[in-house]
Every structure is written in structure tokens, then in C-alpha cells.
């Protein structure tokens, strides 16, 4: 049977043992680190991975952007009302229309930098924004053509 020899602190054998453990730890640490970085780097540098934001890997799809940016052409016959939801943008292209407001205000005419109130004529080719979803919109006094971006209802 073999006897176990305990090393005393400060002896050369103890220092050699510590040094061996330190070297062994460093070896395994850097080996594992190298394998991980190699595996991770391979996946980053893969030639078949498209660049983020490129045509192959867009941040958002083109159809989504087109849907959000596109303005719809809306034809309203005389007497019909278009009510916009919050954030709806309206541009009168032809015809005559008047503003429908609410108790909290009218439509924001961002072209003229003013608030249009109930009964006022809608100016042609001015960008109007519906600030709240509370029944604001435009009423057609004659057949009108509007450009609308956002959600709306026709009554």
C-alpha cells in the first residue's frame, strides 16, 4: 500500500504542484475559449449569411413599408363623410369638402400651420392630420377625390 505524502507550504514540492495546477488550468481555459471563439466566429463569417439590412435580409419587408407609406385614393360622392382614426392623413385633390370636428378640436392643417374647425372649407392640396380618434373628418359638398393614409371609415 502506498502512503500519501502531504506537501508542506513553502516547500519546493508544493510550489511545483501549484505551478502545475496553474498551467493545467490555463491550458484548459484557453482551449475551451479557443474552441468557442472558433465556433462562434465561423457562424459570423459564413459566406452564405446575408448582411443585416441588405436586400437578402431586410430589417423590415418591402411590402410592409409600401403598405405603410402608400396613400389610398378615396372617391367620395356628395354628402358622404370620411371619418379618420388617430394619425390619419388626408389630402383633398379635387372637389369641395368641409371639416367635421369634435369638442376637443378640429383637423390639423400642417401645410398652413393652423387648426380647421367645423364647417370650414377644406383647402385643396393641404395635408390634414386627424389628431384623435373621436369622430373628426371631412364631409363631401361635391364629388371629391381624397388621398388618405391611415385607417378611416366612410359613412
Protein backbone atom coordinates (compact mmCIF):
# COMPACT_ATOMS: atom_id res chain seq x y z
CA UNK A 1 0.00 0.00 0.00
CA UNK A 2 1.22 3.45 -0.96
CA UNK A 3 1.37 6.18 1.62
CA UNK A 4 0.04 9.64 0.86
CA UNK A 5 2.53 12.40 1.28
CA UNK A 6 1.13 15.80 2.27
CA UNK A 7 3.04 18.80 0.97
CA UNK A 8 4.05 21.48 3.40
CA UNK A 9 3.52 25.13 2.41
CA UNK A 10 6.65 26.87 1.20
CA UNK A 11 8.45 23.67 0.15
CA UNK A 12 9.72 23.29 -3.43
CA UNK A 13 7.36 20.35 -3.99
CA UNK A 14 4.36 22.49 -3.02
CA UNK A 15 5.40 25.31 -5.38
CA UNK A 16 5.83 22.80 -8.22
CA UNK A 17 2.36 21.41 -7.56
CA UNK A 18 0.79 24.90 -7.62
CA UNK A 19 2.61 25.73 -10.82
CA UNK A 20 1.37 22.52 -12.47
CA UNK A 21 -2.24 23.26 -11.47
CA UNK A 22 -1.94 26.82 -12.76
CA UNK A 23 -0.51 25.68 -16.09
CA UNK A 24 -3.15 22.95 -16.42
CA UNK A 25 -5.95 25.41 -15.66
CA UNK A 26 -4.61 27.91 -18.21
CA UNK A 27 -4.29 25.17 -20.82
CA UNK A 28 -7.92 24.03 -20.44
CA UNK A 29 -9.25 27.57 -20.15
CA UNK A 30 -7.62 28.74 -23.38
CA UNK A 31 -8.50 25.51 -25.17
CA UNK A 32 -12.20 25.89 -24.34
CA UNK A 33 -12.09 29.62 -25.11
CA UNK A 34 -10.42 28.97 -28.47
CA UNK A 35 -12.94 26.31 -29.43
CA UNK A 36 -15.85 28.57 -28.51
CA UNK A 37 -14.45 31.57 -30.39
CA UNK A 38 -13.70 29.40 -33.41
CA UNK A 39 -17.23 28.03 -33.48
CA UNK A 40 -18.77 31.47 -32.91
CA UNK A 41 -16.52 33.16 -35.46
CA UNK A 42 -17.31 30.53 -38.08
CA UNK A 43 -21.01 31.29 -37.82
CA UNK A 44 -20.37 35.04 -38.11
CA UNK A 45 -18.05 34.77 -41.09
CA UNK A 46 -20.14 32.28 -43.01
CA UNK A 47 -20.32 33.39 -46.66
CA UNK A 48 -23.96 32.33 -47.05
CA UNK A 49 -25.17 34.56 -44.20
CA UNK A 50 -26.64 37.79 -45.64
CA UNK A 51 -25.70 41.12 -44.13
CA UNK A 52 -28.38 42.55 -41.83
CA UNK A 53 -30.37 45.25 -43.60
CA UNK A 54 -29.31 44.08 -47.07
CA UNK A 55 -31.68 43.08 -49.87
CA UNK A 56 -31.49 39.42 -48.75
CA UNK A 57 -32.08 40.17 -45.04
CA UNK A 58 -34.06 43.41 -44.67
CA UNK A 59 -34.85 44.87 -41.27
CA UNK A 60 -38.49 45.17 -42.39
CA UNK A 61 -40.08 43.74 -45.50
CA UNK A 62 -40.61 45.90 -48.58
CA UNK A 63 -44.30 45.04 -48.67
CA UNK A 64 -44.72 46.32 -45.10
CA UNK A 65 -43.01 49.62 -45.93
CA UNK A 66 -45.07 50.00 -49.11
CA UNK A 67 -48.26 49.37 -47.16
CA UNK A 68 -47.36 51.97 -44.52
CA UNK A 69 -46.16 54.66 -46.94
CA UNK A 70 -48.82 54.28 -49.64
CA UNK A 71 -51.68 56.77 -49.75
CA UNK A 72 -55.07 55.42 -50.83
CA UNK A 73 -57.18 57.27 -53.38
CA UNK A 74 -60.71 57.63 -51.98
CA UNK A 75 -63.59 58.95 -54.08
CA UNK A 76 -66.48 60.31 -52.04
CA UNK A 77 -69.83 61.19 -53.59
CA UNK A 78 -71.63 64.33 -52.45
CA UNK A 79 -72.98 64.09 -48.90
CA UNK A 80 -70.72 61.22 -47.76
CA UNK A 81 -68.46 61.60 -44.72
CA UNK A 82 -64.93 60.28 -44.22
CA UNK A 83 -64.00 59.88 -40.54
CA UNK A 84 -60.34 59.31 -39.79
CA UNK A 85 -58.73 57.48 -36.91
CA UNK A 86 -55.91 58.91 -34.83
CA UNK A 87 -52.96 59.85 -37.06
CA UNK A 88 -54.85 59.58 -40.35
CA UNK A 89 -53.55 61.92 -43.06
CA UNK A 90 -55.96 63.44 -45.60
CA UNK A 91 -55.26 65.49 -48.74
CA UNK A 92 -58.12 66.93 -50.84
CA UNK A 93 -57.20 66.58 -54.52
CA UNK A 94 -60.42 67.73 -56.20
CA UNK A 95 -63.92 68.84 -55.30
CA UNK A 96 -65.26 70.73 -52.31
CA UNK A 97 -65.42 69.46 -48.73
CA UNK A 98 -65.86 70.84 -45.24
CA UNK A 99 -64.36 69.91 -41.90
CA UNK A 100 -66.09 67.81 -39.26
CA UNK A 101 -64.55 68.44 -35.85
CA UNK A 102 -65.16 67.30 -32.29
CA UNK A 103 -65.46 69.05 -28.93
CA UNK A 104 -61.69 68.69 -28.48
CA UNK A 105 -60.74 70.48 -31.71
CA UNK A 106 -60.60 70.23 -35.46
CA UNK A 107 -58.23 68.90 -38.08
CA UNK A 108 -54.59 69.95 -38.07
CA UNK A 109 -53.69 71.66 -41.35
CA UNK A 110 -49.94 71.15 -41.28
CA UNK A 111 -49.47 72.94 -44.61
CA UNK A 112 -50.94 76.21 -43.30
CA UNK A 113 -49.97 75.54 -39.66
CA UNK A 114 -53.48 76.04 -38.29
CA UNK A 115 -56.47 74.20 -36.86
CA UNK A 116 -59.51 73.78 -39.13
CA UNK A 117 -62.82 73.87 -37.24
CA UNK A 118 -66.37 72.68 -38.00
CA UNK A 119 -67.81 73.92 -41.28
CA UNK A 120 -64.58 75.41 -42.64
CA UNK A 121 -63.73 74.59 -46.24
CA UNK A 122 -61.01 72.01 -46.72
CA UNK A 123 -58.22 73.64 -48.76
CA UNK A 124 -57.06 71.69 -51.81
CA UNK A 125 -53.63 70.03 -51.66
CA UNK A 126 -53.14 70.73 -47.93
CA UNK A 127 -52.04 67.92 -45.63
CA UNK A 128 -54.61 67.45 -42.86
CA UNK A 129 -53.97 65.21 -39.85
CA UNK A 130 -56.64 63.73 -37.60
CA UNK A 131 -55.13 64.07 -34.09
CA UNK A 132 -57.57 61.83 -32.18
CA UNK A 133 -59.97 59.00 -32.85
CA UNK A 134 -63.06 60.99 -31.86
CA UNK A 135 -65.16 61.46 -34.99
CA UNK A 136 -63.15 64.05 -36.91
CA UNK A 137 -63.06 64.01 -40.68
CA UNK A 138 -64.39 65.65 -43.84
CA UNK A 139 -67.81 65.85 -45.49
CA UNK A 140 -68.06 65.98 -49.29
CA UNK A 141 -70.04 69.01 -50.57
CA UNK A 142 -69.49 67.80 -54.14
CA UNK A 143 -67.92 64.63 -55.51
CA UNK A 144 -64.36 64.69 -54.12
CA UNK A 145 -61.14 62.77 -54.56
CA UNK A 146 -59.01 62.39 -51.43
CA UNK A 147 -55.62 60.88 -50.72
CA UNK A 148 -55.77 59.12 -47.36
CA UNK A 149 -53.03 57.42 -45.32
CA UNK A 150 -54.16 55.57 -42.22
CA UNK A 151 -57.39 53.97 -41.11
CA UNK A 152 -60.74 55.59 -41.86
CA UNK A 153 -64.45 54.88 -42.24
CA UNK A 154 -66.87 56.22 -44.84
CA UNK A 155 -70.46 56.96 -43.81
